Every structure is written in structure tokens, then in C-alpha cells.
Amino acid sequence: MFIQVITGPNLNLLGTREPSIYGSETLADIIVRCRALAKELGADLDDFQSNHEGELVEKIQQCMGIKCDGILINPAAYGHTSIAMRDAFQAVRIPFVEVHLSNVHAREEFRRHSMLSDVASGIVIGFGADSYLLGLRGLIDKIQRQSATSNK
């Protein structure tokens, strides 16, 4: 099983960017934890971060051309605005889980709407870096259950 982790704008600044909201772990720290969990659950994992919407859309599209079983994405601010990312997910038809470090529903009004949540397999918000691990565990479990069902 192969999982692609995609992270959006400003997440390259984790660890120094508003640690009271986003925590003190760096993105590299989070990816190390995700790789360890993926390995434990029998999956391979690659990660990609960009501050540019078009690059994120292209990465989502590239997942269709490789054997990608699922995508774990923290779209960051683009989750609230990007119809292009939504369209890319609908086009590739790969299961994905949306994650956010902070509880977006306890923040500014504009953060409370996601362009992706209603087409996602699931969402995990508000658990800091653990949102990634919870989302990854849920995504892998969902893929395994679907595979078991389709192999019957």
C-alpha cells in the first residue's frame, strides 16, 4: 500500500510559526512519525509540501498515474478556498483524508468552511501533530476494509 502525504502553504514553517496554535513540532518531525506509523501498518509513504496551489493540484493529479492507494492532506489555507484542489480530488478518485492541526471551528469564521471536507473520506482536526497520525490510521484502515470487501 502506498500513501501520499501532501501539505500546503506555510506548513514548512511549523515549529516556529505560531507554536501556541500549531505546536512546536516541525513538519519533518511529523513526517518521521507518519513514516513510522505507516511502516507499522504495512504501508509506504512519501511526502510533498508546497506553498503554491498549482503545485499541490499537480501532485494530486500525479497520484492518479502511480499506484497511490490514498492521500493524507493538510491543505492549510487552501482548504478554505481552493476549488481547483477540490476538482483535482474529484478527478483522480483516490480516497483522501483532510487533516488540520488546529480546531478550525474554534477559530476565525472564514476557517470554518472547507472546500474539501464533503468529498473527503474523512477529516481530522484539532489534535495538533496527532491529527496526521489519526488521519493516516483511519485512511489505511478504510483502504484495507475496501480492499477486503472487493476481494470477496
Protein backbone atom coordinates (compact mmCIF):
# COMPACT_ATOMS: atom_id res chain seq x y z
CA MET A 1 0.00 0.00 0.00
CA PHE A 2 1.26 3.49 -0.86
CA ILE A 3 0.11 6.71 0.82
CA GLN A 4 1.00 10.20 -0.39
CA VAL A 5 1.14 12.92 2.27
CA ILE A 6 0.58 16.41 0.88
CA THR A 7 0.99 19.57 2.94
CA GLY A 8 0.08 23.06 1.90
CA PRO A 9 1.24 26.63 2.45
CA ASN A 10 3.21 27.74 5.47
CA LEU A 11 3.45 24.25 6.91
CA ASN A 12 7.17 24.36 6.11
CA LEU A 13 7.32 26.88 8.99
CA LEU A 14 5.92 24.50 11.61
CA GLY A 15 7.85 24.59 14.84
CA THR A 16 8.37 28.34 14.64
CA ARG A 17 5.07 29.59 13.21
CA GLU A 18 2.59 30.42 15.97
CA PRO A 19 3.51 27.47 18.22
CA SER A 20 0.60 28.31 20.54
CA ILE A 21 -1.73 27.34 17.67
CA TYR A 22 0.28 24.85 15.60
CA GLY A 23 2.60 23.30 18.19
CA SER A 24 6.37 23.06 18.38
CA GLU A 25 6.95 20.03 16.14
CA THR A 26 8.39 20.69 12.71
CA LEU A 27 6.89 19.26 9.55
CA ALA A 28 9.95 16.97 9.34
CA ASP A 29 9.17 15.68 12.85
CA ILE A 30 5.57 14.95 11.86
CA ILE A 31 6.63 13.15 8.67
CA VAL A 32 9.05 10.96 10.65
CA ARG A 33 6.18 9.95 12.93
CA CYS A 34 3.92 9.30 9.92
CA ARG A 35 6.56 7.13 8.24
CA ALA A 36 6.96 5.05 11.40
CA LEU A 37 3.20 4.53 11.73
CA ALA A 38 2.81 3.75 8.03
CA LYS A 39 5.55 1.12 8.28
CA GLU A 40 3.90 -0.37 11.37
CA LEU A 41 0.62 -0.59 9.43
CA GLY A 42 2.24 -2.09 6.33
CA ALA A 43 2.27 0.97 4.08
CA ASP A 44 4.88 3.01 2.24
CA LEU A 45 4.65 6.77 2.45
CA ASP A 46 6.00 9.74 0.54
CA ASP A 47 5.58 13.40 1.43
CA PHE A 48 5.28 16.62 -0.54
CA GLN A 49 4.96 20.22 0.66
CA SER A 50 4.33 23.34 -1.38
CA ASN A 51 3.23 26.90 -0.82
CA HIS A 52 1.82 27.01 -4.37
CA GLU A 53 -1.71 25.91 -5.21
CA GLY A 54 -0.87 24.76 -8.74
CA GLU A 55 1.93 22.51 -7.48
CA LEU A 56 -0.46 20.93 -4.98
CA VAL A 57 -3.02 20.32 -7.74
CA GLU A 58 -0.33 18.77 -9.94
CA LYS A 59 0.79 16.46 -7.10
CA ILE A 60 -2.81 15.30 -6.59
CA GLN A 61 -3.09 14.60 -10.32
CA GLN A 62 0.24 12.73 -10.37
CA CYS A 63 -1.13 10.34 -7.76
CA MET A 64 -3.51 9.03 -10.42
CA GLY A 65 -0.60 7.96 -12.63
CA ILE A 66 1.19 5.99 -9.93
CA LYS A 67 -0.03 3.22 -7.66
CA CYS A 68 -1.28 5.55 -4.93
CA ASP A 69 -3.86 4.00 -2.63
CA GLY A 70 -4.66 7.10 -0.63
CA ILE A 71 -3.73 10.70 0.12
CA LEU A 72 -3.39 12.35 3.51
CA ILE A 73 -3.60 16.10 3.03
CA ASN A 74 -3.28 19.16 5.17
CA PRO A 75 -4.33 21.75 2.61
CA ALA A 76 -3.78 24.55 5.15
CA ALA A 77 -5.37 27.81 3.97
CA TYR A 78 -6.13 26.36 0.52
CA GLY A 79 -8.64 24.04 2.13
CA HIS A 80 -10.88 27.06 2.64
CA THR A 81 -10.50 28.49 -0.86
CA SER A 82 -9.33 26.02 -3.48
CA ILE A 83 -11.94 24.82 -5.94
CA ALA A 84 -9.00 23.64 -8.08
CA MET A 85 -7.86 21.19 -5.40
CA ARG A 86 -11.44 20.00 -4.91
CA ASP A 87 -11.78 19.40 -8.66
CA ALA A 88 -8.45 17.52 -8.70
CA PHE A 89 -9.60 15.18 -5.94
CA GLN A 90 -12.88 14.52 -7.72
CA ALA A 91 -10.98 13.81 -10.94
CA VAL A 92 -8.45 11.35 -9.51
CA ARG A 93 -10.98 9.49 -7.35
CA ILE A 94 -8.35 8.42 -4.82
CA PRO A 95 -9.52 8.18 -1.20
CA PHE A 96 -8.18 11.03 0.91
CA VAL A 97 -8.33 12.30 4.45
CA GLU A 98 -8.14 16.00 5.24
CA VAL A 99 -6.25 16.97 8.39
CA HIS A 100 -5.71 20.22 10.24
CA LEU A 101 -3.52 20.80 13.28
CA SER A 102 -5.84 23.30 14.93
CA ASN A 103 -9.57 23.11 15.53
CA VAL A 104 -10.63 25.30 12.63
CA HIS A 105 -14.17 25.54 14.03
CA ALA A 106 -12.86 27.31 17.11
CA ARG A 107 -11.05 29.93 15.05
CA GLU A 108 -12.00 32.69 12.62
CA GLU A 109 -15.26 32.30 10.72
CA PHE A 110 -13.53 32.02 7.32
CA ARG A 111 -11.65 28.91 8.51
CA ARG A 112 -14.85 27.04 9.35
CA HIS A 113 -15.65 26.07 5.76
CA SER A 114 -13.63 23.55 3.79
CA MET A 115 -13.81 23.11 0.04
CA LEU A 116 -12.63 19.50 0.51
CA SER A 117 -14.39 18.02 3.54
CA ASP A 118 -17.58 16.91 1.81
CA VAL A 119 -15.64 14.93 -0.82
CA ALA A 120 -13.05 13.53 1.63
CA SER A 121 -13.16 10.03 3.05
CA GLY A 122 -12.74 11.66 6.45
CA ILE A 123 -11.44 14.68 8.30
CA VAL A 124 -9.37 15.03 11.48
CA ILE A 125 -8.94 18.43 13.10
CA GLY A 126 -7.67 19.92 16.32
CA PHE A 127 -5.28 17.27 17.64
CA GLY A 128 -2.05 19.03 16.66
CA ALA A 129 0.54 16.78 15.05
CA ASP A 130 -1.51 13.77 16.13
CA SER A 131 -4.14 14.81 13.57
CA TYR A 132 -1.78 13.40 10.93
CA LEU A 133 -1.40 10.09 12.75
CA LEU A 134 -5.12 9.73 13.42
CA GLY A 135 -5.89 10.59 9.79
CA LEU A 136 -3.26 8.17 8.49
CA ARG A 137 -4.54 5.34 10.68
CA GLY A 138 -8.12 5.99 9.51
CA LEU A 139 -7.13 6.22 5.84
CA ILE A 140 -5.14 2.98 5.89
CA ASP A 141 -7.93 1.19 7.74
CA LYS A 142 -10.51 2.40 5.20
CA ILE A 143 -8.35 1.29 2.25
CA GLN A 144 -7.78 -2.14 3.82
CA ARG A 145 -11.51 -2.61 4.51
CA GLN A 146 -12.41 -1.62 0.93
CA SER A 147 -9.76 -3.97 -0.45
CA ALA A 148 -11.04 -6.85 1.67
CA THR A 149 -14.60 -6.18 0.52
CA SER A 150 -13.66 -6.01 -3.15
CA ASN A 151 -11.62 -9.23 -2.92
CA LYS A 152 -14.59 -11.27 -1.68
